[in-house]
Amino acid sequence: MPEPEHPAAKAGRLVRAVGLGIARELEKRADAPPKQPPAPLPPPPPLPTRDLVGRTVFYGFVLSLLAFLLVALRFEMLFGGTHTAKLTLRLVLAGILFFEAYLLLSNWRNANQRLGQRLLTRVWGPRGPINRREKTFARLLRDGLTLVGIVWLAAAVFELLTATVGY
């Protein structure tokens, strides 16, 4: 009767077979031509800034910047004793600031991105951000515009309270 094979011999044959298979696979991969890196993705299309919404957002931003300066400088104090003129100016300034703060904070029809894209088009041309630096700059600009919206909302509330309650 033949002597049974030792279990370690079976394991050794299995390990050698697996090792040979791995070695053959590594040789195939080494002989294969190197893969080309994928082509970079095209930049995202920029948001339109020259349409009606884009122009409205931009001109509203400029107008609300002027309104904020008038509020900060307390421009209505130049009007003498005319209470109606002061009240009207305060309500108009509060309305302008509320409107632009709403656009910047709610991001209605991408108003925040459109306003940021208008500046970014001047920085790197009419395209979307491509690399990490440009994406970070665009994100910080949008966050800054949100902060400006919060400040303008506070100024609008201040003007509205000054107009209705007085000081």
N, C-alpha and C. Protein backbone atom coordinates (compact mmCIF):
# COMPACT_ATOMS: atom_id res chain seq x y z
N MET A 1 0.84 -1.16 0.00
CA MET A 1 0.00 0.00 0.00
C MET A 1 0.90 1.24 0.00
N PRO A 2 0.59 2.21 -0.90
CA PRO A 2 1.45 3.40 -0.96
C PRO A 2 1.18 4.30 0.24
N GLU A 3 2.20 4.99 0.61
CA GLU A 3 2.12 5.86 1.77
C GLU A 3 1.39 7.16 1.38
N PRO A 4 0.41 7.62 2.21
CA PRO A 4 -0.33 8.83 1.86
C PRO A 4 0.59 10.07 1.86
N GLU A 5 0.24 11.00 1.03
CA GLU A 5 1.05 12.22 0.89
C GLU A 5 0.84 13.11 2.10
N HIS A 6 1.91 13.73 2.51
CA HIS A 6 1.86 14.60 3.67
C HIS A 6 1.10 15.89 3.32
N PRO A 7 0.28 16.48 4.24
CA PRO A 7 -0.49 17.68 3.93
C PRO A 7 0.41 18.87 3.58
N ALA A 8 1.61 18.95 4.12
CA ALA A 8 2.49 20.07 3.83
C ALA A 8 2.95 20.03 2.37
N ALA A 9 3.04 18.83 1.80
CA ALA A 9 3.45 18.73 0.40
C ALA A 9 2.36 19.31 -0.51
N LYS A 10 1.10 19.02 -0.16
CA LYS A 10 0.00 19.60 -0.93
C LYS A 10 0.02 21.13 -0.82
N ALA A 11 0.24 21.62 0.37
CA ALA A 11 0.26 23.06 0.59
C ALA A 11 1.41 23.70 -0.18
N GLY A 12 2.56 23.04 -0.22
CA GLY A 12 3.72 23.57 -0.95
C GLY A 12 3.44 23.68 -2.43
N ARG A 13 2.79 22.65 -2.99
CA ARG A 13 2.45 22.70 -4.41
C ARG A 13 1.46 23.83 -4.70
N LEU A 14 0.52 24.02 -3.81
CA LEU A 14 -0.47 25.08 -3.97
C LEU A 14 0.20 26.47 -3.92
N VAL A 15 1.11 26.65 -2.98
CA VAL A 15 1.80 27.93 -2.85
C VAL A 15 2.66 28.20 -4.08
N ARG A 16 3.34 27.19 -4.59
CA ARG A 16 4.16 27.38 -5.80
C ARG A 16 3.29 27.71 -7.00
N ALA A 17 2.13 27.07 -7.11
CA ALA A 17 1.25 27.32 -8.24
C ALA A 17 0.71 28.76 -8.19
N VAL A 18 0.33 29.18 -7.00
CA VAL A 18 -0.17 30.54 -6.85
C VAL A 18 0.94 31.54 -7.13
N GLY A 19 2.12 31.27 -6.63
CA GLY A 19 3.27 32.15 -6.85
C GLY A 19 3.61 32.25 -8.32
N LEU A 20 3.56 31.14 -9.03
CA LEU A 20 3.84 31.17 -10.48
C LEU A 20 2.77 31.97 -11.22
N GLY A 21 1.52 31.83 -10.80
CA GLY A 21 0.44 32.59 -11.44
C GLY A 21 0.61 34.09 -11.23
N ILE A 22 1.00 34.45 -10.02
CA ILE A 22 1.22 35.87 -9.73
C ILE A 22 2.41 36.39 -10.52
N ALA A 23 3.48 35.60 -10.58
CA ALA A 23 4.67 36.02 -11.33
C ALA A 23 4.33 36.21 -12.81
N ARG A 24 3.55 35.31 -13.39
CA ARG A 24 3.17 35.44 -14.79
C ARG A 24 2.32 36.71 -15.02
N GLU A 25 1.42 36.98 -14.09
CA GLU A 25 0.58 38.17 -14.21
C GLU A 25 1.42 39.44 -14.12
N LEU A 26 2.40 39.45 -13.21
CA LEU A 26 3.27 40.62 -13.10
C LEU A 26 4.11 40.81 -14.35
N GLU A 27 4.56 39.73 -14.96
CA GLU A 27 5.32 39.83 -16.20
C GLU A 27 4.45 40.40 -17.32
N LYS A 28 3.19 39.98 -17.38
CA LYS A 28 2.29 40.51 -18.40
C LYS A 28 2.08 42.01 -18.22
N ARG A 29 1.89 42.42 -16.99
CA ARG A 29 1.68 43.85 -16.73
C ARG A 29 2.94 44.67 -17.01
N ALA A 30 4.10 44.10 -16.74
CA ALA A 30 5.34 44.82 -17.00
C ALA A 30 5.59 44.97 -18.49
N ASP A 31 5.18 43.99 -19.27
CA ASP A 31 5.38 44.05 -20.72
C ASP A 31 4.34 44.93 -21.41
N ALA A 32 3.22 45.18 -20.77
CA ALA A 32 2.15 45.98 -21.38
C ALA A 32 2.60 47.44 -21.49
N PRO A 33 2.16 48.14 -22.54
CA PRO A 33 2.54 49.55 -22.66
C PRO A 33 1.88 50.37 -21.54
N PRO A 34 2.55 51.42 -21.08
CA PRO A 34 1.96 52.22 -19.99
C PRO A 34 0.69 52.92 -20.46
N LYS A 35 -0.26 53.04 -19.55
CA LYS A 35 -1.52 53.69 -19.87
C LYS A 35 -1.33 55.21 -19.87
N GLN A 36 -1.98 55.88 -20.80
CA GLN A 36 -1.93 57.32 -20.87
C GLN A 36 -2.88 57.90 -19.82
N PRO A 37 -2.47 58.98 -19.15
CA PRO A 37 -3.40 59.58 -18.19
C PRO A 37 -4.61 60.15 -18.93
N PRO A 38 -5.75 60.15 -18.27
CA PRO A 38 -6.95 60.67 -18.95
C PRO A 38 -6.80 62.16 -19.24
N ALA A 39 -7.41 62.58 -20.30
CA ALA A 39 -7.37 64.00 -20.67
C ALA A 39 -8.13 64.81 -19.63
N PRO A 40 -7.66 66.02 -19.32
CA PRO A 40 -8.38 66.83 -18.33
C PRO A 40 -9.76 67.21 -18.84
N LEU A 41 -10.67 67.33 -17.90
CA LEU A 41 -12.03 67.69 -18.25
C LEU A 41 -12.08 69.14 -18.71
N PRO A 42 -12.97 69.45 -19.62
CA PRO A 42 -13.09 70.86 -20.03
C PRO A 42 -13.67 71.66 -18.88
N PRO A 43 -13.37 72.95 -18.84
CA PRO A 43 -13.90 73.77 -17.74
C PRO A 43 -15.42 73.86 -17.84
N PRO A 44 -16.07 74.00 -16.69
CA PRO A 44 -17.52 74.13 -16.74
C PRO A 44 -17.91 75.43 -17.44
N PRO A 45 -19.06 75.45 -18.07
CA PRO A 45 -19.46 76.69 -18.75
C PRO A 45 -19.75 77.78 -17.72
N PRO A 46 -19.39 79.01 -18.04
CA PRO A 46 -19.66 80.09 -17.09
C PRO A 46 -21.14 80.42 -17.05
N LEU A 47 -21.57 80.96 -15.94
CA LEU A 47 -22.95 81.39 -15.82
C LEU A 47 -23.15 82.65 -16.66
N PRO A 48 -24.28 82.79 -17.29
CA PRO A 48 -24.49 84.00 -18.10
C PRO A 48 -24.62 85.23 -17.21
N THR A 49 -23.86 86.26 -17.55
CA THR A 49 -23.92 87.50 -16.78
C THR A 49 -24.45 88.66 -17.61
N ARG A 50 -24.66 88.44 -18.89
CA ARG A 50 -25.11 89.52 -19.77
C ARG A 50 -26.61 89.45 -20.08
N ASP A 51 -27.31 88.47 -19.52
CA ASP A 51 -28.75 88.40 -19.76
C ASP A 51 -29.47 89.33 -18.78
N LEU A 52 -30.79 89.32 -18.82
CA LEU A 52 -31.58 90.24 -18.02
C LEU A 52 -31.35 90.03 -16.52
N VAL A 53 -31.34 88.78 -16.09
CA VAL A 53 -31.15 88.49 -14.66
C VAL A 53 -29.75 88.90 -14.22
N GLY A 54 -28.75 88.57 -15.03
CA GLY A 54 -27.37 88.92 -14.67
C GLY A 54 -27.15 90.41 -14.56
N ARG A 55 -27.71 91.15 -15.51
CA ARG A 55 -27.57 92.62 -15.46
C ARG A 55 -28.35 93.20 -14.28
N THR A 56 -29.53 92.66 -14.01
CA THR A 56 -30.32 93.14 -12.88
C THR A 56 -29.58 92.92 -11.57
N VAL A 57 -28.98 91.76 -11.43
CA VAL A 57 -28.23 91.46 -10.21
C VAL A 57 -27.05 92.41 -10.07
N PHE A 58 -26.33 92.63 -11.16
CA PHE A 58 -25.15 93.49 -11.09
C PHE A 58 -25.53 94.94 -10.78
N TYR A 59 -26.50 95.49 -11.52
CA TYR A 59 -26.88 96.87 -11.27
C TYR A 59 -27.56 97.03 -9.91
N GLY A 60 -28.27 96.00 -9.46
CA GLY A 60 -28.83 96.03 -8.11
C GLY A 60 -27.73 96.03 -7.06
N PHE A 61 -26.66 95.29 -7.33
CA PHE A 61 -25.52 95.26 -6.41
C PHE A 61 -24.87 96.64 -6.31
N VAL A 62 -24.66 97.28 -7.45
CA VAL A 62 -24.05 98.61 -7.45
C VAL A 62 -24.96 99.61 -6.75
N LEU A 63 -26.26 99.54 -7.04
CA LEU A 63 -27.21 100.45 -6.40
C LEU A 63 -27.28 100.20 -4.89
N SER A 64 -27.25 98.95 -4.48
CA SER A 64 -27.31 98.66 -3.04
C SER A 64 -25.99 99.02 -2.35
N LEU A 65 -24.88 98.97 -3.07
CA LEU A 65 -23.62 99.44 -2.50
C LEU A 65 -23.70 100.94 -2.23
N LEU A 66 -24.25 101.68 -3.16
CA LEU A 66 -24.46 103.11 -2.97
C LEU A 66 -25.44 103.36 -1.82
N ALA A 67 -26.51 102.58 -1.77
CA ALA A 67 -27.48 102.73 -0.68
C ALA A 67 -26.84 102.43 0.67
N PHE A 68 -25.98 101.41 0.72
CA PHE A 68 -25.32 101.08 1.98
C PHE A 68 -24.39 102.22 2.42
N LEU A 69 -23.70 102.82 1.48
CA LEU A 69 -22.84 103.94 1.83
C LEU A 69 -23.67 105.11 2.37
N LEU A 70 -24.82 105.36 1.77
CA LEU A 70 -25.69 106.44 2.26
C LEU A 70 -26.21 106.13 3.66
N VAL A 71 -26.53 104.87 3.91
CA VAL A 71 -27.00 104.48 5.25
C VAL A 71 -25.88 104.61 6.27
N ALA A 72 -24.68 104.14 5.90
CA ALA A 72 -23.56 104.18 6.83
C ALA A 72 -23.14 105.61 7.14
N LEU A 73 -23.27 106.51 6.17
CA LEU A 73 -22.89 107.91 6.38
C LEU A 73 -24.01 108.75 6.97
N ARG A 74 -25.17 108.13 7.16
CA ARG A 74 -26.36 108.81 7.71
C ARG A 74 -26.69 110.04 6.86
N PHE A 75 -26.82 109.80 5.57
CA PHE A 75 -27.03 110.85 4.58
C PHE A 75 -28.34 111.61 4.81
N GLU A 76 -29.34 110.98 5.40
CA GLU A 76 -30.64 111.64 5.56
C GLU A 76 -30.58 112.78 6.56
N MET A 77 -29.50 112.89 7.31
CA MET A 77 -29.36 113.99 8.26
C MET A 77 -29.15 115.33 7.54
N LEU A 78 -28.81 115.29 6.27
CA LEU A 78 -28.62 116.53 5.51
C LEU A 78 -29.94 117.23 5.23
N PHE A 79 -31.03 116.45 5.23
CA PHE A 79 -32.34 117.06 5.02
C PHE A 79 -32.73 117.74 6.33
N GLY A 80 -33.06 119.00 6.25
CA GLY A 80 -33.35 119.80 7.45
C GLY A 80 -34.50 119.24 8.26
N GLY A 81 -35.59 119.95 8.25
CA GLY A 81 -36.71 119.57 9.09
C GLY A 81 -37.77 118.80 8.34
N THR A 82 -37.52 118.40 7.10
CA THR A 82 -38.52 117.72 6.30
C THR A 82 -38.57 116.25 6.71
N HIS A 83 -39.54 115.94 7.52
CA HIS A 83 -39.68 114.57 8.01
C HIS A 83 -40.09 113.62 6.88
N THR A 84 -40.94 114.07 5.97
CA THR A 84 -41.42 113.22 4.88
C THR A 84 -40.28 112.82 3.95
N ALA A 85 -39.39 113.75 3.67
CA ALA A 85 -38.26 113.43 2.79
C ALA A 85 -37.33 112.43 3.45
N LYS A 86 -37.07 112.61 4.76
CA LYS A 86 -36.23 111.65 5.48
C LYS A 86 -36.86 110.27 5.49
N LEU A 87 -38.15 110.23 5.78
CA LEU A 87 -38.86 108.96 5.85
C LEU A 87 -38.85 108.27 4.49
N THR A 88 -39.11 109.01 3.44
CA THR A 88 -39.12 108.42 2.10
C THR A 88 -37.75 107.89 1.72
N LEU A 89 -36.70 108.68 1.99
CA LEU A 89 -35.34 108.23 1.67
C LEU A 89 -34.99 106.98 2.45
N ARG A 90 -35.33 106.93 3.73
CA ARG A 90 -35.03 105.74 4.54
C ARG A 90 -35.76 104.51 4.02
N LEU A 91 -37.03 104.66 3.66
CA LEU A 91 -37.79 103.51 3.15
C LEU A 91 -37.26 103.05 1.79
N VAL A 92 -36.87 103.97 0.93
CA VAL A 92 -36.32 103.59 -0.37
C VAL A 92 -34.99 102.86 -0.19
N LEU A 93 -34.12 103.40 0.67
CA LEU A 93 -32.83 102.74 0.93
C LEU A 93 -33.04 101.36 1.55
N ALA A 94 -33.97 101.25 2.47
CA ALA A 94 -34.25 99.95 3.09
C ALA A 94 -34.78 98.96 2.04
N GLY A 95 -35.64 99.43 1.14
CA GLY A 95 -36.16 98.55 0.09
C GLY A 95 -35.07 98.06 -0.84
N ILE A 96 -34.16 98.96 -1.24
CA ILE A 96 -33.05 98.56 -2.12
C ILE A 96 -32.16 97.53 -1.43
N LEU A 97 -31.85 97.80 -0.16
CA LEU A 97 -30.99 96.87 0.57
C LEU A 97 -31.67 95.52 0.81
N PHE A 98 -32.97 95.54 1.11
CA PHE A 98 -33.71 94.28 1.27
C PHE A 98 -33.71 93.48 -0.03
N PHE A 99 -33.94 94.14 -1.14
CA PHE A 99 -34.00 93.45 -2.43
C PHE A 99 -32.68 92.76 -2.74
N GLU A 100 -31.57 93.47 -2.63
CA GLU A 100 -30.28 92.86 -2.97
C GLU A 100 -29.86 91.82 -1.93
N ALA A 101 -30.18 92.06 -0.67
CA ALA A 101 -29.87 91.06 0.36
C ALA A 101 -30.65 89.78 0.10
N TYR A 102 -31.90 89.91 -0.34
CA TYR A 102 -32.68 88.73 -0.68
C TYR A 102 -32.04 87.97 -1.85
N LEU A 103 -31.60 88.71 -2.87
CA LEU A 103 -30.96 88.05 -4.01
C LEU A 103 -29.69 87.32 -3.61
N LEU A 104 -28.87 87.95 -2.78
CA LEU A 104 -27.61 87.34 -2.40
C LEU A 104 -27.78 86.19 -1.41
N LEU A 105 -28.73 86.29 -0.52
CA LEU A 105 -28.88 85.25 0.51
C LEU A 105 -29.70 84.07 0.03
N SER A 106 -30.70 84.32 -0.80
CA SER A 106 -31.52 83.20 -1.28
C SER A 106 -30.94 82.56 -2.53
N ASN A 107 -30.02 83.25 -3.19
CA ASN A 107 -29.39 82.78 -4.42
C ASN A 107 -30.45 82.50 -5.48
N TRP A 108 -31.40 83.39 -5.60
CA TRP A 108 -32.48 83.26 -6.57
C TRP A 108 -31.90 83.29 -7.97
N ARG A 109 -32.18 82.26 -8.75
CA ARG A 109 -31.67 82.11 -10.12
C ARG A 109 -30.16 82.28 -10.19
N ASN A 110 -29.47 81.72 -9.19
CA ASN A 110 -28.00 81.77 -9.11
C ASN A 110 -27.47 83.20 -9.12
N ALA A 111 -28.14 84.09 -8.42
CA ALA A 111 -27.72 85.50 -8.40
C ALA A 111 -26.34 85.64 -7.78
N ASN A 112 -26.08 84.89 -6.73
CA ASN A 112 -24.78 84.95 -6.07
C ASN A 112 -23.68 84.49 -7.02
N GLN A 113 -23.91 83.38 -7.72
CA GLN A 113 -22.91 82.87 -8.66
C GLN A 113 -22.75 83.80 -9.86
N ARG A 114 -23.84 84.39 -10.33
CA ARG A 114 -23.76 85.30 -11.48
C ARG A 114 -22.93 86.53 -11.15
N LEU A 115 -23.14 87.06 -9.96
CA LEU A 115 -22.38 88.24 -9.56
C LEU A 115 -20.90 87.87 -9.38
N GLY A 116 -20.65 86.72 -8.78
CA GLY A 116 -19.27 86.27 -8.64
C GLY A 116 -18.63 85.98 -9.99
N GLN A 117 -19.40 85.39 -10.91
CA GLN A 117 -18.86 85.08 -12.23
C GLN A 117 -18.49 86.34 -13.00
N ARG A 118 -19.20 87.42 -12.75
CA ARG A 118 -18.88 88.68 -13.43
C ARG A 118 -17.48 89.16 -13.03
N LEU A 119 -17.15 89.02 -11.75
CA LEU A 119 -15.81 89.39 -11.31
C LEU A 119 -14.78 88.36 -11.79
N LEU A 120 -15.13 87.09 -11.68
CA LEU A 120 -14.18 86.05 -12.06
C LEU A 120 -13.88 86.06 -13.56
N THR A 121 -14.81 86.54 -14.38
CA THR A 121 -14.56 86.67 -15.80
C THR A 121 -13.45 87.69 -16.05
N ARG A 122 -13.41 88.72 -15.22
CA ARG A 122 -12.33 89.69 -15.34
C ARG A 122 -11.00 89.10 -14.87
N VAL A 123 -11.04 88.15 -13.94
CA VAL A 123 -9.80 87.58 -13.40
C VAL A 123 -9.20 86.57 -14.36
N TRP A 124 -9.98 85.57 -14.82
CA TRP A 124 -9.39 84.53 -15.66
C TRP A 124 -10.14 84.28 -16.96
N GLY A 125 -10.95 85.20 -17.38
CA GLY A 125 -11.60 85.07 -18.68
C GLY A 125 -12.96 84.42 -18.59
N PRO A 126 -13.65 84.35 -19.73
CA PRO A 126 -15.03 83.82 -19.73
C PRO A 126 -15.08 82.31 -19.68
N ARG A 127 -14.80 81.75 -18.55
CA ARG A 127 -14.87 80.30 -18.35
C ARG A 127 -15.11 80.05 -16.87
N GLY A 128 -15.39 78.81 -16.55
CA GLY A 128 -15.57 78.44 -15.16
C GLY A 128 -14.24 78.10 -14.52
N PRO A 129 -14.21 77.94 -13.20
CA PRO A 129 -12.96 77.60 -12.53
C PRO A 129 -12.51 76.17 -12.86
N ILE A 130 -11.20 76.00 -13.07
CA ILE A 130 -10.68 74.69 -13.47
C ILE A 130 -9.91 74.06 -12.32
N ASN A 131 -8.85 74.70 -11.87
CA ASN A 131 -7.98 74.06 -10.88
C ASN A 131 -8.44 74.39 -9.46
N ARG A 132 -7.75 73.84 -8.50
CA ARG A 132 -8.15 73.97 -7.11
C ARG A 132 -8.08 75.42 -6.63
N ARG A 133 -7.06 76.15 -7.08
CA ARG A 133 -6.91 77.55 -6.67
C ARG A 133 -8.10 78.38 -7.16
N GLU A 134 -8.49 78.18 -8.40
CA GLU A 134 -9.61 78.94 -8.95
C GLU A 134 -10.92 78.55 -8.30
N LYS A 135 -11.10 77.26 -8.02
CA LYS A 135 -12.33 76.82 -7.36
C LYS A 135 -12.42 77.39 -5.94
N THR A 136 -11.28 77.41 -5.24
CA THR A 136 -11.26 77.97 -3.89
C THR A 136 -11.56 79.46 -3.92
N PHE A 137 -10.97 80.17 -4.88
CA PHE A 137 -11.23 81.60 -5.02
C PHE A 137 -12.70 81.87 -5.31
N ALA A 138 -13.30 81.07 -6.18
CA ALA A 138 -14.72 81.24 -6.52
C ALA A 138 -15.60 80.95 -5.31
N ARG A 139 -15.26 79.92 -4.54
CA ARG A 139 -16.05 79.59 -3.36
C ARG A 139 -15.94 80.69 -2.31
N LEU A 140 -14.72 81.22 -2.09
CA LEU A 140 -14.54 82.30 -1.12
C LEU A 140 -15.27 83.56 -1.57
N LEU A 141 -15.29 83.81 -2.86
CA LEU A 141 -16.02 84.97 -3.36
C LEU A 141 -17.52 84.82 -3.13
N ARG A 142 -18.07 83.63 -3.37
CA ARG A 142 -19.50 83.41 -3.11
C ARG A 142 -19.81 83.54 -1.63
N ASP A 143 -18.92 83.01 -0.77
CA ASP A 143 -19.13 83.15 0.67
C ASP A 143 -19.04 84.61 1.10
N GLY A 144 -18.13 85.37 0.50
CA GLY A 144 -18.02 86.79 0.80
C GLY A 144 -19.27 87.55 0.38
N LEU A 145 -19.83 87.19 -0.77
CA LEU A 145 -21.07 87.84 -1.21
C LEU A 145 -22.23 87.50 -0.28
N THR A 146 -22.24 86.30 0.26
CA THR A 146 -23.26 85.95 1.24
C THR A 146 -23.11 86.79 2.50
N LEU A 147 -21.88 86.99 2.92
CA LEU A 147 -21.62 87.84 4.09
C LEU A 147 -22.05 89.29 3.82
N VAL A 148 -21.79 89.78 2.62
CA VAL A 148 -22.24 91.12 2.24
C VAL A 148 -23.77 91.19 2.29
N GLY A 149 -24.43 90.12 1.84
CA GLY A 149 -25.89 90.08 1.91
C GLY A 149 -26.40 90.16 3.34
N ILE A 150 -25.71 89.51 4.26
CA ILE A 150 -26.11 89.57 5.67
C ILE A 150 -25.94 90.99 6.22
N VAL A 151 -24.83 91.62 5.86
CA VAL A 151 -24.59 93.00 6.33
C VAL A 151 -25.65 93.93 5.76
N TRP A 152 -26.00 93.75 4.49
CA TRP A 152 -27.01 94.62 3.88
C TRP A 152 -28.39 94.37 4.46
N LEU A 153 -28.67 93.13 4.83
CA LEU A 153 -29.94 92.84 5.48
C LEU A 153 -30.01 93.55 6.83
N ALA A 154 -28.90 93.53 7.58
CA ALA A 154 -28.86 94.23 8.87
C ALA A 154 -29.03 95.73 8.68
N ALA A 155 -28.39 96.28 7.65
CA ALA A 155 -28.53 97.72 7.39
C ALA A 155 -29.96 98.06 6.97
N ALA A 156 -30.60 97.18 6.21
CA ALA A 156 -31.98 97.42 5.81
C ALA A 156 -32.92 97.38 7.00
N VAL A 157 -32.72 96.43 7.90
CA VAL A 157 -33.54 96.36 9.12
C VAL A 157 -33.31 97.60 9.97
N PHE A 158 -32.07 98.05 10.08
CA PHE A 158 -31.76 99.26 10.83
C PHE A 158 -32.50 100.47 10.25
N GLU A 159 -32.44 100.63 8.94
CA GLU A 159 -33.11 101.76 8.30
C GLU A 159 -34.63 101.67 8.46
N LEU A 160 -35.16 100.46 8.33
CA LEU A 160 -36.59 100.29 8.49
C LEU A 160 -37.04 100.61 9.92
N LEU A 161 -36.28 100.15 10.89
CA LEU A 161 -36.62 100.47 12.28
C LEU A 161 -36.44 101.95 12.57
N THR A 162 -35.43 102.56 12.00
CA THR A 162 -35.23 104.00 12.20
C THR A 162 -36.37 104.79 11.58
N ALA A 163 -36.85 104.32 10.42
CA ALA A 163 -37.94 105.02 9.74
C ALA A 163 -39.27 104.85 10.48
N THR A 164 -39.51 103.68 11.06
CA THR A 164 -40.82 103.42 11.66
C THR A 164 -40.85 103.78 13.15
N VAL A 165 -39.82 103.40 13.88
CA VAL A 165 -39.83 103.61 15.33
C VAL A 165 -39.17 104.94 15.67
N GLY A 166 -38.16 105.32 14.93
CA GLY A 166 -37.41 106.54 15.24
C GLY A 166 -36.21 106.19 16.10
N TYR A 167 -35.48 107.20 16.51
CA TYR A 167 -34.30 106.95 17.33
C TYR A 167 -34.20 107.87 18.49
